[in-house]
Amino acid sequence: MRIILSRKGFDSSAGDCPSAILPDGRLCSLPIPDDSSPITYGEIDYDGIDLGELVDQLTRKTGWRGRGAHLDPDLRVEALPRMPGWRPMLGQSGSAQGHLRNEGVTAGDLFLFFGSFRPIEQVSGSWRFCPDQASIHAIWGWLQVGEILKVDDLPAQAIPWARYHPHFAYEQDPTNTLYLATEKLALGGMPPRLPGAGTFRYLNERRVLTAPGSALQTCWQLPACFAPGEGQAGLSFHRNRSRWSTVGDRCLLNSAFRGQEFVFDTQGRDQVLTWLRNLLMSA
């Protein structure tokens, strides 16, 4: 089984700001802008919060309600009105999809979605980032792969419940791929109570990748079992051992500024699977 740490949501290069940690600790991942998407920020529901208005206030730029939003991965059934048969899904294309293919990502593998987040507060009825709080990288969702579909190969009438997805607005592209979630999460040692995809509603320390006290959100703290070792390649894009330092049962990683999909093969790494179970059981 492979774990894919998949970077998704607003950051300084896509959206111009982090996603939001609400005052009660809820993680609100903001989908990146996409002018070709048929979905607008004003159409996406997040616990009754108007995402267009929220992004207007956080970016200090107006007009977001009517802008196209790349709602991908699409994990929450309540985010939009749904057709019968809807399943959570992720789209990928280009070099990022090529990397997933080269790393052998297949059915049964598990995406863990992370992004840049920063606490927000409401002052005089308007949202803003907390001035004394820094941005962090945190894990906010998961998707276990049930099916992998090439968009260009799908018959015109296939999966009508998915046709709203931004990847159906693309021009023909042989790399354009959809990853559909399993119905239930299948992971040894865990009861099948969790769905195959979902979001972590609240922030907690298990979901934070950024090392405590670090001035850089890209300085991560992980269990030491993630570090590359003899005969173990480790996390893709991070296989140079100079990126890693180990202290006891933890390691620090100078994570990549670029790249969307970081793949880790768990074969022979039972400790990583234990970490994954603990993470998911806290959902």
C-alpha atoms as a PDB file:
ATOM      1  CA  MET A   1       0.000   0.000   0.000  1.00  0.00           C
ATOM      2  CA  ARG A   2       1.169   3.508  -0.835  1.00  0.00           C
ATOM      3  CA  ILE A   3       0.413   6.694   1.069  1.00  0.00           C
ATOM      4  CA  ILE A   4       0.329   9.847  -1.047  1.00  0.00           C
ATOM      5  CA  LEU A   5       0.792  13.145   0.762  1.00  0.00           C
ATOM      6  CA  SER A   6      -1.069  15.383  -1.674  1.00  0.00           C
ATOM      7  CA  ARG A   7      -0.802  19.192  -1.481  1.00  0.00           C
ATOM      8  CA  LYS A   8      -4.189  20.825  -2.116  1.00  0.00           C
ATOM      9  CA  GLY A   9      -5.884  24.167  -1.449  1.00  0.00           C
ATOM     10  CA  PHE A  10      -4.941  27.825  -1.163  1.00  0.00           C
ATOM     11  CA  ASP A  11      -1.370  28.951  -0.569  1.00  0.00           C
ATOM     12  CA  SER A  12       0.824  31.914  -1.482  1.00  0.00           C
ATOM     13  CA  SER A  13       1.058  30.839  -5.140  1.00  0.00           C
ATOM     14  CA  ALA A  14      -2.560  29.699  -5.669  1.00  0.00           C
ATOM     15  CA  GLY A  15      -5.087  32.001  -4.031  1.00  0.00           C
ATOM     16  CA  ASP A  16      -2.516  34.359  -2.463  1.00  0.00           C
ATOM     17  CA  CYS A  17      -3.193  33.261   1.126  1.00  0.00           C
ATOM     18  CA  PRO A  18      -3.521  30.118   3.282  1.00  0.00           C
ATOM     19  CA  SER A  19      -6.713  28.214   3.941  1.00  0.00           C
ATOM     20  CA  ALA A  20      -8.548  28.965   7.174  1.00  0.00           C
ATOM     21  CA  ILE A  21      -8.555  27.530  10.674  1.00  0.00           C
ATOM     22  CA  LEU A  22     -11.809  28.799  12.176  1.00  0.00           C
ATOM     23  CA  PRO A  23     -11.911  30.023  15.788  1.00  0.00           C
ATOM     24  CA  ASP A  24     -13.380  26.691  16.983  1.00  0.00           C
ATOM     25  CA  GLY A  25     -10.583  24.729  15.271  1.00  0.00           C
ATOM     26  CA  ARG A  26     -12.470  23.658  12.130  1.00  0.00           C
ATOM     27  CA  LEU A  27     -10.295  23.241   9.050  1.00  0.00           C
ATOM     28  CA  CYS A  28     -11.737  25.043   6.017  1.00  0.00           C
ATOM     29  CA  SER A  29      -9.655  24.097   2.981  1.00  0.00           C
ATOM     30  CA  LEU A  30     -10.203  26.673   0.225  1.00  0.00           C
ATOM     31  CA  PRO A  31     -10.189  25.271  -3.338  1.00  0.00           C
ATOM     32  CA  ILE A  32      -7.822  27.082  -5.679  1.00  0.00           C
ATOM     33  CA  PRO A  33      -9.222  29.464  -8.330  1.00  0.00           C
ATOM     34  CA  ASP A  34     -10.014  28.013 -11.757  1.00  0.00           C
ATOM     35  CA  ASP A  35     -11.709  30.257 -14.322  1.00  0.00           C
ATOM     36  CA  SER A  36     -12.704  27.236 -16.463  1.00  0.00           C
ATOM     37  CA  SER A  37     -14.510  25.470 -13.604  1.00  0.00           C
ATOM     38  CA  PRO A  38     -18.336  25.425 -13.714  1.00  0.00           C
ATOM     39  CA  ILE A  39     -18.389  25.650  -9.890  1.00  0.00           C
ATOM     40  CA  THR A  40     -18.198  29.061  -8.210  1.00  0.00           C
ATOM     41  CA  TYR A  41     -17.125  29.870  -4.663  1.00  0.00           C
ATOM     42  CA  GLY A  42     -20.617  31.167  -3.952  1.00  0.00           C
ATOM     43  CA  GLU A  43     -22.118  27.731  -4.711  1.00  0.00           C
ATOM     44  CA  ILE A  44     -19.940  25.740  -2.296  1.00  0.00           C
ATOM     45  CA  ASP A  45     -21.407  25.142   1.140  1.00  0.00           C
ATOM     46  CA  TYR A  46     -19.192  24.987   4.214  1.00  0.00           C
ATOM     47  CA  ASP A  47     -21.332  24.834   7.363  1.00  0.00           C
ATOM     48  CA  GLY A  48     -23.361  27.810   6.132  1.00  0.00           C
ATOM     49  CA  ILE A  49     -20.302  30.010   5.584  1.00  0.00           C
ATOM     50  CA  ASP A  50     -20.289  31.965   2.316  1.00  0.00           C
ATOM     51  CA  LEU A  51     -16.910  30.949   0.879  1.00  0.00           C
ATOM     52  CA  GLY A  52     -16.949  33.790  -1.624  1.00  0.00           C
ATOM     53  CA  GLU A  53     -17.413  36.364   1.115  1.00  0.00           C
ATOM     54  CA  LEU A  54     -14.818  34.635   3.298  1.00  0.00           C
ATOM     55  CA  VAL A  55     -12.192  34.715   0.553  1.00  0.00           C
ATOM     56  CA  ASP A  56     -13.066  38.351  -0.284  1.00  0.00           C
ATOM     57  CA  GLN A  57     -12.263  39.294   3.291  1.00  0.00           C
ATOM     58  CA  LEU A  58      -9.147  37.151   3.713  1.00  0.00           C
ATOM     59  CA  THR A  59      -7.565  38.264   0.424  1.00  0.00           C
ATOM     60  CA  ARG A  60      -8.943  41.832   0.611  1.00  0.00           C
ATOM     61  CA  LYS A  61     -10.068  41.438  -2.991  1.00  0.00           C
ATOM     62  CA  THR A  62     -13.686  41.399  -4.129  1.00  0.00           C
ATOM     63  CA  GLY A  63     -15.613  39.290  -6.624  1.00  0.00           C
ATOM     64  CA  TRP A  64     -14.780  35.788  -5.372  1.00  0.00           C
ATOM     65  CA  ARG A  65     -18.417  34.652  -5.095  1.00  0.00           C
ATOM     66  CA  GLY A  66     -18.720  34.523  -8.872  1.00  0.00           C
ATOM     67  CA  ARG A  67     -15.254  33.157  -9.616  1.00  0.00           C
ATOM     68  CA  GLY A  68     -14.641  29.578 -10.685  1.00  0.00           C
ATOM     69  CA  ALA A  69     -13.383  27.250  -7.947  1.00  0.00           C
ATOM     70  CA  HIS A  70     -11.352  24.108  -8.565  1.00  0.00           C
ATOM     71  CA  LEU A  71     -13.217  21.932  -6.054  1.00  0.00           C
ATOM     72  CA  ASP A  72     -10.725  19.086  -6.214  1.00  0.00           C
ATOM     73  CA  PRO A  73     -10.484  16.833  -4.300  1.00  0.00           C
ATOM     74  CA  ASP A  74     -14.237  16.878  -3.783  1.00  0.00           C
ATOM     75  CA  LEU A  75     -14.776  14.978  -0.537  1.00  0.00           C
ATOM     76  CA  ARG A  76     -17.831  16.401   1.252  1.00  0.00           C
ATOM     77  CA  VAL A  77     -21.266  15.301   0.050  1.00  0.00           C
ATOM     78  CA  GLU A  78     -22.818  18.455   1.555  1.00  0.00           C
ATOM     79  CA  ALA A  79     -20.553  20.838  -0.400  1.00  0.00           C
ATOM     80  CA  LEU A  80     -22.888  20.871  -3.455  1.00  0.00           C
ATOM     81  CA  PRO A  81     -26.230  19.424  -4.580  1.00  0.00           C
ATOM     82  CA  ARG A  82     -25.506  15.844  -5.710  1.00  0.00           C
ATOM     83  CA  MET A  83     -26.909  13.434  -8.264  1.00  0.00           C
ATOM     84  CA  PRO A  84     -27.647   9.830  -7.224  1.00  0.00           C
ATOM     85  CA  GLY A  85     -24.539   7.680  -7.271  1.00  0.00           C
ATOM     86  CA  TRP A  86     -22.126  10.474  -6.327  1.00  0.00           C
ATOM     87  CA  ARG A  87     -18.750   9.407  -4.961  1.00  0.00           C
ATOM     88  CA  PRO A  88     -15.841  11.482  -3.611  1.00  0.00           C
ATOM     89  CA  MET A  89     -13.094  11.941  -6.189  1.00  0.00           C
ATOM     90  CA  LEU A  90      -9.782  13.524  -7.075  1.00  0.00           C
ATOM     91  CA  GLY A  91      -8.635  14.682 -10.506  1.00  0.00           C
ATOM     92  CA  GLN A  92      -5.026  14.876 -11.606  1.00  0.00           C
ATOM     93  CA  SER A  93      -3.190  15.543 -14.871  1.00  0.00           C
ATOM     94  CA  GLY A  94       0.118  16.634 -16.384  1.00  0.00           C
ATOM     95  CA  SER A  95       3.417  16.029 -14.626  1.00  0.00           C
ATOM     96  CA  ALA A  96       1.730  15.379 -11.249  1.00  0.00           C
ATOM     97  CA  GLN A  97      -0.301  12.544 -12.775  1.00  0.00           C
ATOM     98  CA  GLY A  98       2.843  11.275 -14.486  1.00  0.00           C
ATOM     99  CA  HIS A  99       4.540  11.103 -11.095  1.00  0.00           C
ATOM    100  CA  LEU A 100       1.642   9.128  -9.595  1.00  0.00           C
ATOM    101  CA  ARG A 101       1.793   6.717 -12.540  1.00  0.00           C
ATOM    102  CA  ASN A 102       5.566   6.309 -12.291  1.00  0.00           C
ATOM    103  CA  GLU A 103       5.285   5.608  -8.547  1.00  0.00           C
ATOM    104  CA  GLY A 104       2.754   2.840  -9.251  1.00  0.00           C
ATOM    105  CA  VAL A 105      -0.230   4.394  -7.470  1.00  0.00           C
ATOM    106  CA  THR A 106      -3.167   2.019  -7.838  1.00  0.00           C
ATOM    107  CA  ALA A 107      -6.464   0.891  -6.304  1.00  0.00           C
ATOM    108  CA  GLY A 108      -6.185   0.479  -2.538  1.00  0.00           C
ATOM    109  CA  ASP A 109      -3.591   3.233  -2.105  1.00  0.00           C
ATOM    110  CA  LEU A 110      -4.458   6.176   0.133  1.00  0.00           C
ATOM    111  CA  PHE A 111      -4.223   9.926  -0.476  1.00  0.00           C
ATOM    112  CA  LEU A 112      -3.712  12.160   2.563  1.00  0.00           C
ATOM    113  CA  PHE A 113      -4.465  15.749   1.571  1.00  0.00           C
ATOM    114  CA  PHE A 114      -2.503  18.522   3.232  1.00  0.00           C
ATOM    115  CA  GLY A 115      -2.335  22.259   2.746  1.00  0.00           C
ATOM    116  CA  SER A 116      -1.323  25.601   4.160  1.00  0.00           C
ATOM    117  CA  PHE A 117      -3.576  26.820   6.996  1.00  0.00           C
ATOM    118  CA  ARG A 118      -3.650  29.823   9.314  1.00  0.00           C
ATOM    119  CA  PRO A 119      -6.046  30.748  12.146  1.00  0.00           C
ATOM    120  CA  ILE A 120      -8.646  33.420  11.396  1.00  0.00           C
ATOM    121  CA  GLU A 121     -10.792  35.641  13.604  1.00  0.00           C
ATOM    122  CA  GLN A 122     -13.789  37.905  13.137  1.00  0.00           C
ATOM    123  CA  VAL A 123     -13.331  41.592  13.921  1.00  0.00           C
ATOM    124  CA  SER A 124     -16.240  44.047  13.470  1.00  0.00           C
ATOM    125  CA  GLY A 125     -18.108  41.436  11.434  1.00  0.00           C
ATOM    126  CA  SER A 126     -15.238  40.759   9.011  1.00  0.00           C
ATOM    127  CA  TRP A 127     -12.850  37.797   8.803  1.00  0.00           C
ATOM    128  CA  ARG A 128      -9.104  38.282   8.960  1.00  0.00           C
ATOM    129  CA  PHE A 129      -6.019  36.200   9.693  1.00  0.00           C
ATOM    130  CA  CYS A 130      -4.893  36.285  13.318  1.00  0.00           C
ATOM    131  CA  PRO A 131      -1.900  38.634  13.201  1.00  0.00           C
ATOM    132  CA  ASP A 132       0.011  36.744  15.912  1.00  0.00           C
ATOM    133  CA  GLN A 133      -0.443  33.286  14.338  1.00  0.00           C
ATOM    134  CA  ALA A 134       1.746  31.760  11.598  1.00  0.00           C
ATOM    135  CA  SER A 135       0.792  29.444   8.752  1.00  0.00           C
ATOM    136  CA  ILE A 136       1.274  25.699   9.139  1.00  0.00           C
ATOM    137  CA  HIS A 137       0.997  22.634   6.932  1.00  0.00           C
ATOM    138  CA  ALA A 138      -1.750  20.310   8.163  1.00  0.00           C
ATOM    139  CA  ILE A 139      -3.513  17.176   6.905  1.00  0.00           C
ATOM    140  CA  TRP A 140      -7.200  17.872   6.234  1.00  0.00           C
ATOM    141  CA  GLY A 141      -8.624  14.907   4.309  1.00  0.00           C
ATOM    142  CA  TRP A 142      -8.185  11.432   2.858  1.00  0.00           C
ATOM    143  CA  LEU A 143      -9.261   9.319  -0.118  1.00  0.00           C
ATOM    144  CA  GLN A 144      -8.633   5.623  -0.639  1.00  0.00           C
ATOM    145  CA  VAL A 145      -8.496   4.771  -4.330  1.00  0.00           C
ATOM    146  CA  GLY A 146     -11.284   2.500  -5.539  1.00  0.00           C
ATOM    147  CA  GLU A 147     -11.130   3.138  -9.310  1.00  0.00           C
ATOM    148  CA  ILE A 148      -8.819   5.043 -11.647  1.00  0.00           C
ATOM    149  CA  LEU A 149     -10.452   6.431 -14.805  1.00  0.00           C
ATOM    150  CA  LYS A 150      -9.020   8.243 -17.820  1.00  0.00           C
ATOM    151  CA  VAL A 151     -11.394  11.115 -18.568  1.00  0.00           C
ATOM    152  CA  ASP A 152     -10.782  11.062 -22.336  1.00  0.00           C
ATOM    153  CA  ASP A 153     -11.657   7.345 -22.481  1.00  0.00           C
ATOM    154  CA  LEU A 154     -15.048   7.656 -20.786  1.00  0.00           C
ATOM    155  CA  PRO A 155     -18.170   7.224 -22.951  1.00  0.00           C
ATOM    156  CA  ALA A 156     -20.291  10.350 -23.209  1.00  0.00           C
ATOM    157  CA  GLN A 157     -23.005   8.960 -20.892  1.00  0.00           C
ATOM    158  CA  ALA A 158     -20.684   7.450 -18.282  1.00  0.00           C
ATOM    159  CA  ILE A 159     -20.768   8.606 -14.620  1.00  0.00           C
ATOM    160  CA  PRO A 160     -23.257  11.480 -15.157  1.00  0.00           C
ATOM    161  CA  TRP A 161     -23.034  12.314 -11.436  1.00  0.00           C
ATOM    162  CA  ALA A 162     -19.406  13.445 -11.936  1.00  0.00           C
ATOM    163  CA  ARG A 163     -19.807  15.711 -14.969  1.00  0.00           C
ATOM    164  CA  TYR A 164     -19.753  18.915 -12.880  1.00  0.00           C
ATOM    165  CA  HIS A 165     -16.159  18.160 -11.853  1.00  0.00           C
ATOM    166  CA  PRO A 166     -13.552  20.668 -13.131  1.00  0.00           C
ATOM    167  CA  HIS A 167     -11.538  17.950 -14.905  1.00  0.00           C
ATOM    168  CA  PHE A 168     -14.431  17.452 -17.351  1.00  0.00           C
ATOM    169  CA  ALA A 169     -13.926  21.059 -18.506  1.00  0.00           C
ATOM    170  CA  TYR A 170     -10.383  20.283 -19.722  1.00  0.00           C
ATOM    171  CA  GLU A 171      -9.396  19.990 -23.362  1.00  0.00           C
ATOM    172  CA  GLN A 172      -8.461  16.490 -24.492  1.00  0.00           C
ATOM    173  CA  ASP A 173      -5.471  15.337 -22.458  1.00  0.00           C
ATOM    174  CA  PRO A 174      -4.289  11.717 -22.189  1.00  0.00           C
ATOM    175  CA  THR A 175      -3.019  12.384 -18.651  1.00  0.00           C
ATOM    176  CA  ASN A 176      -6.378  13.671 -17.357  1.00  0.00           C
ATOM    177  CA  THR A 177      -7.312  11.151 -14.666  1.00  0.00           C
ATOM    178  CA  LEU A 178      -9.977  10.679 -11.994  1.00  0.00           C
ATOM    179  CA  TYR A 179      -9.442   8.755  -8.768  1.00  0.00           C
ATOM    180  CA  LEU A 180     -12.768   7.558  -7.321  1.00  0.00           C
ATOM    181  CA  ALA A 181     -13.006   6.675  -3.644  1.00  0.00           C
ATOM    182  CA  THR A 182     -13.803   3.281  -2.192  1.00  0.00           C
ATOM    183  CA  GLU A 183     -17.148   3.014  -0.401  1.00  0.00           C
ATOM    184  CA  LYS A 184     -15.483   2.097   2.913  1.00  0.00           C
ATOM    185  CA  LEU A 185     -11.929   2.548   4.123  1.00  0.00           C
ATOM    186  CA  ALA A 186     -10.117  -0.808   3.964  1.00  0.00           C
ATOM    187  CA  LEU A 187      -7.016  -0.788   6.139  1.00  0.00           C
ATOM    188  CA  GLY A 188      -5.780  -3.790   8.102  1.00  0.00           C
ATOM    189  CA  GLY A 189      -6.307  -3.471  11.825  1.00  0.00           C
ATOM    190  CA  MET A 190      -9.153  -0.956  11.536  1.00  0.00           C
ATOM    191  CA  PRO A 191     -12.896  -1.620  11.723  1.00  0.00           C
ATOM    192  CA  PRO A 192     -14.679  -0.677   8.465  1.00  0.00           C
ATOM    193  CA  ARG A 193     -16.555   2.243  10.035  1.00  0.00           C
ATOM    194  CA  LEU A 194     -14.965   5.074   8.067  1.00  0.00           C
ATOM    195  CA  PRO A 195     -15.939   6.022   4.517  1.00  0.00           C
ATOM    196  CA  GLY A 196     -13.371   5.673   1.765  1.00  0.00           C
ATOM    197  CA  ALA A 197     -12.935   9.449   1.661  1.00  0.00           C
ATOM    198  CA  GLY A 198     -13.611  12.338   3.989  1.00  0.00           C
ATOM    199  CA  THR A 199     -12.275  15.365   5.806  1.00  0.00           C
ATOM    200  CA  PHE A 200     -10.815  15.851   9.260  1.00  0.00           C
ATOM    201  CA  ARG A 201     -13.210  18.386  10.717  1.00  0.00           C
ATOM    202  CA  TYR A 202     -10.954  19.836  13.403  1.00  0.00           C
ATOM    203  CA  LEU A 203      -7.275  20.549  13.757  1.00  0.00           C
ATOM    204  CA  ASN A 204      -5.321  18.496  16.265  1.00  0.00           C
ATOM    205  CA  GLU A 205      -1.615  17.864  16.814  1.00  0.00           C
ATOM    206  CA  ARG A 206      -1.675  14.524  14.956  1.00  0.00           C
ATOM    207  CA  ARG A 207      -2.694  16.331  11.770  1.00  0.00           C
ATOM    208  CA  VAL A 208      -0.036  19.040  11.907  1.00  0.00           C
ATOM    209  CA  LEU A 209       2.993  18.425   9.682  1.00  0.00           C
ATOM    210  CA  THR A 210       4.908  21.617  10.532  1.00  0.00           C
ATOM    211  CA  ALA A 211       7.329  21.056  13.409  1.00  0.00           C
ATOM    212  CA  PRO A 212       6.330  22.762  16.691  1.00  0.00           C
ATOM    213  CA  GLY A 213       7.976  26.158  17.028  1.00  0.00           C
ATOM    214  CA  SER A 214       9.314  26.174  13.471  1.00  0.00           C
ATOM    215  CA  ALA A 215       9.446  29.524  11.684  1.00  0.00           C
ATOM    216  CA  LEU A 216       8.975  27.671   8.358  1.00  0.00           C
ATOM    217  CA  GLN A 217       5.794  25.724   7.634  1.00  0.00           C
ATOM    218  CA  THR A 218       7.839  23.517   5.278  1.00  0.00           C
ATOM    219  CA  CYS A 219       9.923  22.195   8.211  1.00  0.00           C
ATOM    220  CA  TRP A 220       7.980  19.038   9.051  1.00  0.00           C
ATOM    221  CA  GLN A 221       8.075  16.703  12.023  1.00  0.00           C
ATOM    222  CA  LEU A 222       7.195  13.078  11.306  1.00  0.00           C
ATOM    223  CA  PRO A 223       7.707   9.712  12.998  1.00  0.00           C
ATOM    224  CA  ALA A 224      11.292   8.524  12.472  1.00  0.00           C
ATOM    225  CA  CYS A 225      10.008   5.560  10.434  1.00  0.00           C
ATOM    226  CA  PHE A 226       9.366   7.951   7.516  1.00  0.00           C
ATOM    227  CA  ALA A 227      13.072   8.699   7.066  1.00  0.00           C
ATOM    228  CA  PRO A 228      14.795   6.926   4.154  1.00  0.00           C
ATOM    229  CA  GLY A 229      17.028   4.047   5.214  1.00  0.00           C
ATOM    230  CA  GLU A 230      18.938   1.059   3.949  1.00  0.00           C
ATOM    231  CA  GLY A 231      16.885  -0.468   1.152  1.00  0.00           C
ATOM    232  CA  GLN A 232      14.039   1.982   1.796  1.00  0.00           C
ATOM    233  CA  ALA A 233      13.630   4.824  -0.705  1.00  0.00           C
ATOM    234  CA  GLY A 234      11.198   6.791   1.457  1.00  0.00           C
ATOM    235  CA  LEU A 235       8.995   9.695   0.417  1.00  0.00           C
ATOM    236  CA  SER A 236       9.199  10.723  -3.232  1.00  0.00           C
ATOM    237  CA  PHE A 237      10.716  14.184  -3.896  1.00  0.00           C
ATOM    238  CA  HIS A 238      12.455  13.762  -0.511  1.00  0.00           C
ATOM    239  CA  ARG A 239      14.838  10.853  -1.082  1.00  0.00           C
ATOM    240  CA  ASN A 240      17.997  12.890  -0.519  1.00  0.00           C
ATOM    241  CA  ARG A 241      18.992  11.994   3.042  1.00  0.00           C
ATOM    242  CA  SER A 242      20.371  15.478   3.618  1.00  0.00           C
ATOM    243  CA  ARG A 243      16.736  16.662   3.895  1.00  0.00           C
ATOM    244  CA  TRP A 244      16.221  14.497   7.004  1.00  0.00           C
ATOM    245  CA  SER A 245      17.479  14.546  10.591  1.00  0.00           C
ATOM    246  CA  THR A 246      16.379  12.050  13.239  1.00  0.00           C
ATOM    247  CA  VAL A 247      16.056  12.652  16.973  1.00  0.00           C
ATOM    248  CA  GLY A 248      14.736   9.697  18.964  1.00  0.00           C
ATOM    249  CA  ASP A 249      11.420   8.498  17.567  1.00  0.00           C
ATOM    250  CA  ARG A 250      10.863  11.657  15.487  1.00  0.00           C
ATOM    251  CA  CYS A 251      12.482  13.133  12.410  1.00  0.00           C
ATOM    252  CA  LEU A 252      12.634  16.585  10.887  1.00  0.00           C
ATOM    253  CA  LEU A 253      12.191  17.006   7.147  1.00  0.00           C
ATOM    254  CA  ASN A 254      12.998  20.007   4.996  1.00  0.00           C
ATOM    255  CA  SER A 255       9.967  19.445   2.745  1.00  0.00           C
ATOM    256  CA  ALA A 256       9.812  20.475  -0.888  1.00  0.00           C
ATOM    257  CA  PHE A 257       8.450  23.920  -1.773  1.00  0.00           C
ATOM    258  CA  ARG A 258       7.171  22.576  -5.087  1.00  0.00           C
ATOM    259  CA  GLY A 259       5.440  19.344  -6.064  1.00  0.00           C
ATOM    260  CA  GLN A 260       1.894  18.155  -5.414  1.00  0.00           C
ATOM    261  CA  GLU A 261       2.119  14.412  -4.846  1.00  0.00           C
ATOM    262  CA  PHE A 262       4.634  12.823  -2.445  1.00  0.00           C
ATOM    263  CA  VAL A 263       4.430   9.018  -2.481  1.00  0.00           C
ATOM    264  CA  PHE A 264       5.538   6.608   0.268  1.00  0.00           C
ATOM    265  CA  ASP A 265       5.489   2.812  -0.142  1.00  0.00           C
ATOM    266  CA  THR A 266       4.565   1.281   3.233  1.00  0.00           C
ATOM    267  CA  GLN A 267       5.838  -2.212   2.385  1.00  0.00           C
ATOM    268  CA  GLY A 268       7.969  -3.345   5.320  1.00  0.00           C
ATOM    269  CA  ARG A 269       7.114  -0.193   7.269  1.00  0.00           C
ATOM    270  CA  ASP A 270       4.587  -1.390   9.845  1.00  0.00           C
ATOM    271  CA  GLN A 271       5.272   1.623  12.074  1.00  0.00           C
ATOM    272  CA  VAL A 272       4.061   3.961   9.316  1.00  0.00           C
ATOM    273  CA  LEU A 273       0.835   1.973   9.026  1.00  0.00           C
ATOM    274  CA  THR A 274       0.373   2.272  12.791  1.00  0.00           C
ATOM    275  CA  TRP A 275       0.802   6.049  12.475  1.00  0.00           C
ATOM    276  CA  LEU A 276      -1.761   6.061   9.643  1.00  0.00           C
ATOM    277  CA  ARG A 277      -4.310   4.058  11.645  1.00  0.00           C
ATOM    278  CA  ASN A 278      -3.949   6.396  14.607  1.00  0.00           C
ATOM    279  CA  LEU A 279      -4.401   9.406  12.322  1.00  0.00           C
ATOM    280  CA  LEU A 280      -7.548   8.031  10.706  1.00  0.00           C
ATOM    281  CA  MET A 281      -9.087   6.740  13.939  1.00  0.00           C
ATOM    282  CA  SER A 282      -9.067  10.313  15.199  1.00  0.00           C
ATOM    283  CA  ALA A 283     -11.302  11.414  12.285  1.00  0.00           C
END
